[in-house]
Amino acid sequence: MSLRCGIAGLPNVGKSTLFNALTKAAVPAENYPFCTIEPNVGIVPVPDPRLARIAGIAKPQKVTPAVVEFVDIAGLVAGASRGEGLGNQFLAHIRETDGIIELVRCFEDENVVHVAGRLDPVSDIETIQTELALADLATVDKALARVTPRARSGDKEAIKLEAVLARVREHLDRGKPARSLGLEAEELRLLQPLCLLTTKPAIYVANVDERGFSGNPLLERVREFAAREGAPVVAICAAMEAAIADMSEEDKKAFLADLGLEEPGLDRLVHATYDLLGLQTFFTAGPKEARAWTIHKGETAAQAAGTIHTDFERGFIRAEVISYDDYVACGGEQGAREAGRMRLEGRDYVVRDGDVIYFRFAV
């Protein structure tokens, strides 16, 4: 499956610096607003040490990690929903993503201009959310104008949609994102064609300096805000991540250890993004390729097979499944088979994170 996350925020909060660190791309990162005009897109491998261990056992010709697509989106300002700044481009690019990474600045630096003239990360978040809510409000109003006549004529589907739209409109009118309304799956299905911006899950990334991971009142304010809506927060020093991006793994670990950190902030961000979107990983392994695949939690063996190829799902026969722990402990597929640790599962088997699977199919 294709996974796409947008990095959004006000100008000069460090979006392009973070994007450079994520992708090691030469994206401009200048100290003035709207340095990023067109969205820069980067494909980033999902860090997962399990794939390396599986490849070490299977010894394939090729190793392919799962990936996340990150989009560095032009800075948003108050009035974006009315086209201020680069508002129209910003909103259009956000619509194309699966989730939103809201980056806010949580460090003092008199040499870096803040577009609002003051440093207040919660105010920055509220600006972003207000503009997205206003854009959604306009979309909902147009949808209500179309659906209300149909609902009054007795169209059952239109009656259900009108009721959902009315609830969402009231929520948006208070400046709150639609995702915090607690919509049911059926309600989300009805809203899906509208591509509402505030139904997308969001993660807050606090851009701190090297000393700002603890005892940082700005970071604590972001955490308090996020806790009220049940959203995750990841603290990252974007400048530091860019500096260590080209280090060897050994040097990187030593550098992070000196700061009391166990893994790079970028790894934590990718993992948090996976959790945010309810994703997990399964593996395939053979002499040609060892590969990590991304699926939603709760998906079945047949759906996982369809992630590889639609023919696999259509002609699904069975899945030969080995847990990751058993695969490693038994030294691979043959050892797991001989030890009785390989299971034969049907199309309705719910895949578990880390399963190593071989699919049997016929078309």
Protein backbone atom coordinates (compact mmCIF):
# COMPACT_ATOMS: atom_id res chain seq x y z
CA MET A 1 0.00 0.00 0.00
CA SER A 2 1.10 3.57 -0.64
CA LEU A 3 1.49 5.65 2.52
CA ARG A 4 1.74 9.43 2.23
CA CYS A 5 2.18 11.95 5.06
CA GLY A 6 2.34 15.72 4.73
CA ILE A 7 4.71 17.83 6.84
CA ALA A 8 2.70 20.96 7.60
CA GLY A 9 3.34 24.05 9.68
CA LEU A 10 3.77 27.79 9.66
CA PRO A 11 6.71 29.23 7.69
CA ASN A 12 10.16 28.96 9.28
CA VAL A 13 9.39 26.20 11.79
CA GLY A 14 11.89 23.77 10.23
CA LYS A 15 9.81 21.79 7.73
CA SER A 16 12.43 21.77 4.98
CA THR A 17 15.23 21.04 7.46
CA LEU A 18 13.28 18.03 8.73
CA PHE A 19 12.53 16.95 5.18
CA ASN A 20 16.23 17.19 4.28
CA ALA A 21 17.06 14.95 7.22
CA LEU A 22 14.36 12.46 6.27
CA THR A 23 15.36 12.17 2.64
CA LYS A 24 18.93 13.52 2.55
CA ALA A 25 17.62 15.69 -0.29
CA ALA A 26 19.03 19.09 -1.21
CA VAL A 27 15.81 20.99 -0.56
CA PRO A 28 16.30 24.73 0.14
CA ALA A 29 16.00 25.60 3.83
CA GLU A 30 16.15 29.38 3.99
CA ASN A 31 15.26 31.85 6.71
CA TYR A 32 12.31 33.48 4.99
CA PRO A 33 8.63 32.57 4.51
CA PHE A 34 7.43 30.49 1.55
CA CYS A 35 10.84 29.11 0.67
CA THR A 36 8.96 25.89 -0.18
CA ILE A 37 6.45 26.67 -2.92
CA GLU A 38 5.90 23.37 -4.69
CA PRO A 39 5.69 20.31 -2.45
CA ASN A 40 8.89 18.26 -2.29
CA VAL A 41 8.27 14.53 -2.09
CA GLY A 42 10.65 11.98 -0.59
CA ILE A 43 10.44 8.21 -0.20
CA VAL A 44 11.81 7.09 3.17
CA PRO A 45 12.45 3.45 4.20
CA VAL A 46 10.73 2.33 7.39
CA PRO A 47 13.45 1.44 9.92
CA ASP A 48 12.87 -2.17 10.97
CA PRO A 49 15.79 -4.30 12.23
CA ARG A 50 13.67 -7.44 11.78
CA LEU A 51 14.05 -7.24 8.00
CA ALA A 52 17.85 -7.33 8.26
CA ARG A 53 17.71 -10.42 10.49
CA ILE A 54 15.32 -12.19 8.11
CA ALA A 55 17.58 -11.30 5.16
CA GLY A 56 20.60 -12.57 7.08
CA ILE A 57 18.91 -15.96 7.33
CA ALA A 58 17.26 -16.16 3.89
CA LYS A 59 20.28 -14.61 2.06
CA PRO A 60 18.18 -13.18 -0.79
CA GLN A 61 19.50 -11.39 -3.86
CA LYS A 62 17.54 -8.28 -2.90
CA VAL A 63 16.23 -6.67 0.30
CA THR A 64 13.31 -4.23 0.05
CA PRO A 65 12.04 -2.28 3.08
CA ALA A 66 8.58 -0.83 3.52
CA VAL A 67 8.48 2.89 2.74
CA VAL A 68 6.68 6.08 3.74
CA GLU A 69 6.23 8.99 1.36
CA PHE A 70 6.76 12.38 3.01
CA VAL A 71 5.57 15.61 1.42
CA ASP A 72 7.12 18.95 2.45
CA ILE A 73 4.23 21.37 2.02
CA ALA A 74 4.37 25.17 1.67
CA GLY A 75 4.04 27.08 4.94
CA LEU A 76 0.54 27.94 6.07
CA VAL A 77 -0.51 31.32 7.50
CA ALA A 78 -3.71 32.72 8.98
CA GLY A 79 -6.16 33.28 6.13
CA ALA A 80 -4.98 30.27 4.09
CA SER A 81 -8.58 29.03 3.82
CA ARG A 82 -9.33 32.31 1.99
CA GLY A 83 -6.25 31.99 -0.23
CA GLU A 84 -3.81 34.03 1.88
CA GLY A 85 -0.11 33.25 1.43
CA LEU A 86 0.01 30.04 -0.56
CA GLY A 87 -3.20 28.78 1.00
CA ASN A 88 -4.78 27.19 -2.05
CA GLN A 89 -1.66 25.15 -2.82
CA PHE A 90 -1.27 24.18 0.83
CA LEU A 91 -4.83 22.91 1.18
CA ALA A 92 -4.74 21.02 -2.14
CA HIS A 93 -1.54 19.20 -1.18
CA ILE A 94 -2.87 18.30 2.28
CA ARG A 95 -5.94 16.67 0.69
CA GLU A 96 -3.68 14.16 -1.07
CA THR A 97 -2.09 12.80 2.13
CA ASP A 98 -3.11 9.98 4.49
CA GLY A 99 -2.01 11.82 7.63
CA ILE A 100 -0.70 15.20 8.70
CA ILE A 101 2.53 15.85 10.60
CA GLU A 102 2.04 19.26 12.24
CA LEU A 103 5.50 20.65 12.93
CA VAL A 104 5.84 23.44 15.48
CA ARG A 105 8.88 25.33 16.69
CA CYS A 106 9.83 24.80 20.35
CA PHE A 107 13.19 26.57 20.55
CA GLU A 108 14.34 30.16 20.93
CA ASP A 109 16.57 31.65 18.23
CA GLU A 110 16.64 35.36 17.57
CA ASN A 111 18.26 34.72 14.19
CA VAL A 112 15.28 32.73 12.88
CA VAL A 113 12.26 34.86 12.01
CA HIS A 114 8.85 33.73 13.26
CA VAL A 115 6.06 34.65 10.86
CA ALA A 116 3.76 35.73 13.74
CA GLY A 117 6.50 37.74 15.44
CA ARG A 118 6.31 35.66 18.63
CA LEU A 119 7.09 32.09 19.68
CA ASP A 120 3.95 30.19 20.74
CA PRO A 121 3.68 26.59 19.46
CA VAL A 122 0.11 26.09 20.70
CA SER A 123 -1.00 29.24 18.90
CA ASP A 124 0.71 27.86 15.77
CA ILE A 125 -1.24 24.60 16.07
CA GLU A 126 -4.48 26.52 16.57
CA THR A 127 -3.76 28.59 13.46
CA ILE A 128 -3.28 25.45 11.40
CA GLN A 129 -6.38 23.78 12.82
CA THR A 130 -8.52 26.89 12.36
CA GLU A 131 -7.57 27.21 8.70
CA LEU A 132 -8.21 23.52 8.03
CA ALA A 133 -11.54 23.70 9.88
CA LEU A 134 -12.60 26.78 7.89
CA ALA A 135 -11.73 25.06 4.62
CA ASP A 136 -13.74 22.01 5.69
CA LEU A 137 -16.62 24.21 6.78
CA ALA A 138 -16.88 25.62 3.26
CA THR A 139 -16.83 22.09 1.84
CA VAL A 140 -19.54 20.91 4.26
CA ASP A 141 -21.77 23.90 3.49
CA LYS A 142 -21.61 23.14 -0.23
CA ALA A 143 -22.37 19.46 0.45
CA LEU A 144 -25.35 20.38 2.64
CA ALA A 145 -26.73 22.62 -0.10
CA ARG A 146 -26.64 19.66 -2.49
CA VAL A 147 -27.91 16.95 -0.16
CA THR A 148 -30.71 18.77 1.74
CA PRO A 149 -33.23 18.78 -1.16
CA ARG A 150 -32.65 15.04 -1.66
CA ALA A 151 -33.08 14.38 2.05
CA ARG A 152 -36.37 16.29 2.10
CA SER A 153 -37.63 14.18 -0.79
CA GLY A 154 -37.11 11.05 1.34
CA ASP A 155 -33.81 9.71 -0.04
CA LYS A 156 -32.59 7.48 2.83
CA GLU A 157 -28.88 7.80 2.02
CA ALA A 158 -29.24 11.57 1.75
CA ILE A 159 -31.03 11.71 5.12
CA LYS A 160 -28.13 9.88 6.78
CA LEU A 161 -25.53 12.09 5.09
CA GLU A 162 -27.39 15.28 6.00
CA ALA A 163 -27.43 14.27 9.67
CA VAL A 164 -23.69 13.55 9.68
CA LEU A 165 -22.90 16.80 7.86
CA ALA A 166 -24.94 18.78 10.38
CA ARG A 167 -22.99 17.28 13.28
CA VAL A 168 -19.65 17.89 11.57
CA ARG A 169 -20.61 21.46 10.69
CA GLU A 170 -21.46 22.29 14.29
CA HIS A 171 -18.13 20.82 15.43
CA LEU A 172 -16.10 22.65 12.78
CA ASP A 173 -17.90 25.89 13.60
CA ARG A 174 -16.31 25.68 17.05
CA GLY A 175 -12.89 25.43 15.40
CA LYS A 176 -12.45 21.75 16.27
CA PRO A 177 -11.17 19.08 13.84
CA ALA A 178 -13.72 16.54 12.62
CA ARG A 179 -11.48 13.68 13.78
CA SER A 180 -12.15 14.69 17.41
CA LEU A 181 -15.90 14.18 16.95
CA GLY A 182 -15.65 10.40 17.37
CA LEU A 183 -17.34 9.51 14.09
CA GLU A 184 -18.40 5.92 13.45
CA ALA A 185 -17.02 3.93 10.51
CA GLU A 186 -20.30 4.30 8.59
CA GLU A 187 -20.28 8.06 9.12
CA LEU A 188 -16.69 8.28 7.87
CA ARG A 189 -17.71 6.26 4.80
CA LEU A 190 -20.43 8.80 4.02
CA LEU A 191 -17.95 11.67 4.38
CA GLN A 192 -15.11 10.04 2.43
CA PRO A 193 -15.98 11.55 -0.98
CA LEU A 194 -15.61 15.05 0.53
CA CYS A 195 -11.92 14.49 1.43
CA LEU A 196 -12.25 16.59 4.57
CA LEU A 197 -8.90 17.83 5.82
CA THR A 198 -9.68 17.56 9.54
CA THR A 199 -10.74 13.91 9.38
CA LYS A 200 -7.11 13.02 8.64
CA PRO A 201 -5.16 11.76 11.66
CA ALA A 202 -2.52 14.18 12.94
CA ILE A 203 0.73 13.85 14.83
CA TYR A 204 2.48 16.80 16.47
CA VAL A 205 6.22 17.13 16.01
CA ALA A 206 8.00 19.59 18.31
CA ASN A 207 11.17 20.96 16.73
CA VAL A 208 13.53 21.53 19.68
CA ASP A 209 17.20 22.38 19.99
CA GLU A 210 19.77 19.86 21.27
CA ARG A 211 19.06 20.84 24.88
CA GLY A 212 15.31 21.00 24.48
CA PHE A 213 14.25 17.37 24.94
CA SER A 214 13.66 17.82 28.68
CA GLY A 215 12.81 20.77 30.86
CA ASN A 216 11.39 22.58 27.83
CA PRO A 217 8.21 24.52 28.72
CA LEU A 218 7.33 24.98 25.04
CA LEU A 219 7.47 21.22 24.47
CA GLU A 220 5.34 20.62 27.57
CA ARG A 221 2.69 23.00 26.27
CA VAL A 222 2.48 21.03 23.02
CA ARG A 223 2.19 17.76 24.97
CA GLU A 224 -0.61 19.17 27.13
CA PHE A 225 -2.49 20.36 24.04
CA ALA A 226 -2.06 17.04 22.23
CA ALA A 227 -3.12 15.03 25.29
CA ARG A 228 -6.51 16.75 25.25
CA GLU A 229 -7.21 15.37 21.79
CA GLY A 230 -5.39 12.05 22.32
CA ALA A 231 -2.77 12.80 19.67
CA PRO A 232 0.87 11.67 19.76
CA VAL A 233 3.82 14.05 20.13
CA VAL A 234 7.36 13.42 18.87
CA ALA A 235 10.19 15.75 19.92
CA ILE A 236 12.86 16.14 17.24
CA CYS A 237 15.84 18.41 16.77
CA ALA A 238 15.59 18.83 13.00
CA ALA A 239 19.00 20.52 12.73
CA MET A 240 20.66 17.67 14.62
CA GLU A 241 18.86 15.04 12.52
CA ALA A 242 20.15 16.74 9.37
CA ALA A 243 23.68 16.78 10.80
CA ILE A 244 23.73 13.06 11.65
CA ALA A 245 21.91 11.87 8.54
CA ASP A 246 25.15 10.97 6.75
CA MET A 247 26.96 9.50 9.75
CA SER A 248 27.78 5.80 9.94
CA GLU A 249 25.44 3.77 12.15
CA GLU A 250 28.20 3.34 14.73
CA ASP A 251 28.96 7.07 14.93
CA LYS A 252 25.26 7.90 14.98
CA LYS A 253 24.63 5.58 17.95
CA ALA A 254 27.55 7.05 19.88
CA PHE A 255 26.38 10.60 19.17
CA LEU A 256 22.82 9.84 20.29
CA ALA A 257 24.04 8.01 23.41
CA ASP A 258 25.91 11.14 24.48
CA LEU A 259 22.56 12.96 24.38
CA GLY A 260 20.74 10.16 26.24
CA LEU A 261 18.75 9.12 23.15
CA GLU A 262 18.29 5.51 22.01
CA GLU A 263 17.31 6.08 18.38
CA PRO A 264 17.18 8.94 15.89
CA GLY A 265 14.17 11.19 16.03
CA LEU A 266 13.39 10.31 12.43
CA ASP A 267 13.00 6.64 13.37
CA ARG A 268 10.68 7.64 16.20
CA LEU A 269 8.69 9.79 13.78
CA VAL A 270 8.25 6.99 11.23
CA HIS A 271 7.21 4.52 13.95
CA ALA A 272 4.78 7.05 15.42
CA THR A 273 3.33 7.62 11.95
CA TYR A 274 2.75 3.88 11.58
CA ASP A 275 0.97 3.75 14.93
CA LEU A 276 -1.06 6.86 14.09
CA LEU A 277 -2.41 5.31 10.90
CA GLY A 278 -2.98 1.87 12.44
CA LEU A 279 -0.40 0.12 10.29
CA GLN A 280 1.73 -2.96 10.76
CA THR A 281 4.31 -4.99 8.82
CA PHE A 282 4.48 -8.51 7.46
CA PHE A 283 7.39 -10.06 5.59
CA THR A 284 8.04 -12.30 2.61
CA ALA A 285 11.39 -14.05 2.27
CA GLY A 286 12.96 -16.23 -0.38
CA PRO A 287 16.12 -16.62 -2.47
CA LYS A 288 15.20 -13.70 -4.75
CA GLU A 289 13.95 -11.14 -2.25
CA ALA A 290 13.25 -10.43 1.42
CA ARG A 291 10.67 -7.70 1.70
CA ALA A 292 8.62 -5.80 4.28
CA TRP A 293 5.00 -5.00 3.40
CA THR A 294 2.66 -2.48 5.00
CA ILE A 295 -0.97 -3.29 5.81
CA HIS A 296 -3.60 -1.99 8.20
CA LYS A 297 -3.98 -3.75 11.52
CA GLY A 298 -6.84 -6.23 11.37
CA GLU A 299 -6.44 -7.08 7.69
CA THR A 300 -6.75 -10.69 6.62
CA ALA A 301 -4.35 -13.01 4.84
CA ALA A 302 -6.27 -12.54 1.58
CA GLN A 303 -6.04 -8.74 1.88
CA ALA A 304 -2.32 -9.00 2.67
CA ALA A 305 -1.88 -11.14 -0.43
CA GLY A 306 -3.66 -8.44 -2.44
CA THR A 307 -1.06 -5.93 -1.22
CA ILE A 308 1.54 -7.90 -3.19
CA HIS A 309 -0.64 -8.40 -6.27
CA THR A 310 -4.38 -8.42 -6.95
CA ASP A 311 -3.99 -11.87 -8.54
CA PHE A 312 -2.76 -13.21 -5.18
CA GLU A 313 -5.97 -12.12 -3.48
CA ARG A 314 -8.27 -13.24 -6.27
CA GLY A 315 -6.71 -16.69 -6.51
CA PHE A 316 -5.86 -17.11 -2.82
CA ILE A 317 -5.54 -20.75 -1.69
CA ARG A 318 -3.75 -20.54 1.66
CA ALA A 319 -1.04 -18.74 3.57
CA GLU A 320 1.96 -20.51 5.07
CA VAL A 321 2.72 -18.42 8.15
CA ILE A 322 5.72 -18.29 10.50
CA SER A 323 5.94 -15.76 13.31
CA TYR A 324 9.04 -13.57 13.22
CA ASP A 325 10.36 -15.03 16.50
CA ASP A 326 9.92 -18.60 15.23
CA TYR A 327 11.54 -17.75 11.89
CA VAL A 328 14.64 -16.46 13.67
CA ALA A 329 14.73 -19.16 16.34
CA CYS A 330 14.40 -21.95 13.77
CA GLY A 331 16.88 -20.49 11.32
CA GLY A 332 14.39 -19.81 8.55
CA GLU A 333 11.53 -21.43 6.67
CA GLN A 334 12.89 -24.98 6.48
CA GLY A 335 13.78 -25.09 10.16
CA ALA A 336 10.36 -23.72 11.14
CA ARG A 337 8.64 -26.28 8.93
CA GLU A 338 10.60 -29.16 10.48
CA ALA A 339 9.93 -27.87 13.99
CA GLY A 340 6.21 -27.64 13.32
CA ARG A 341 6.24 -23.86 13.70
CA MET A 342 4.79 -23.14 10.24
CA ARG A 343 1.00 -22.75 10.23
CA LEU A 344 -1.40 -23.14 7.32
CA GLU A 345 -3.96 -20.34 7.45
CA GLY A 346 -7.04 -19.54 5.37
CA ARG A 347 -8.11 -16.32 3.72
CA ASP A 348 -9.82 -14.97 6.87
CA TYR A 349 -6.73 -15.31 9.08
CA VAL A 350 -5.95 -11.92 10.68
CA VAL A 351 -2.30 -11.16 9.97
CA ARG A 352 -0.11 -10.33 12.97
CA ASP A 353 2.71 -7.83 13.01
CA GLY A 354 5.97 -9.56 12.03
CA ASP A 355 4.43 -12.61 10.35
CA VAL A 356 6.62 -14.13 7.64
CA ILE A 357 4.21 -15.40 4.99
CA TYR A 358 4.36 -17.47 1.82
CA PHE A 359 1.14 -17.28 -0.22
CA ARG A 360 -0.26 -20.12 -2.31
CA PHE A 361 -2.59 -18.98 -5.08
CA ALA A 362 -3.97 -20.03 -8.45
CA VAL A 363 -5.40 -17.81 -11.18
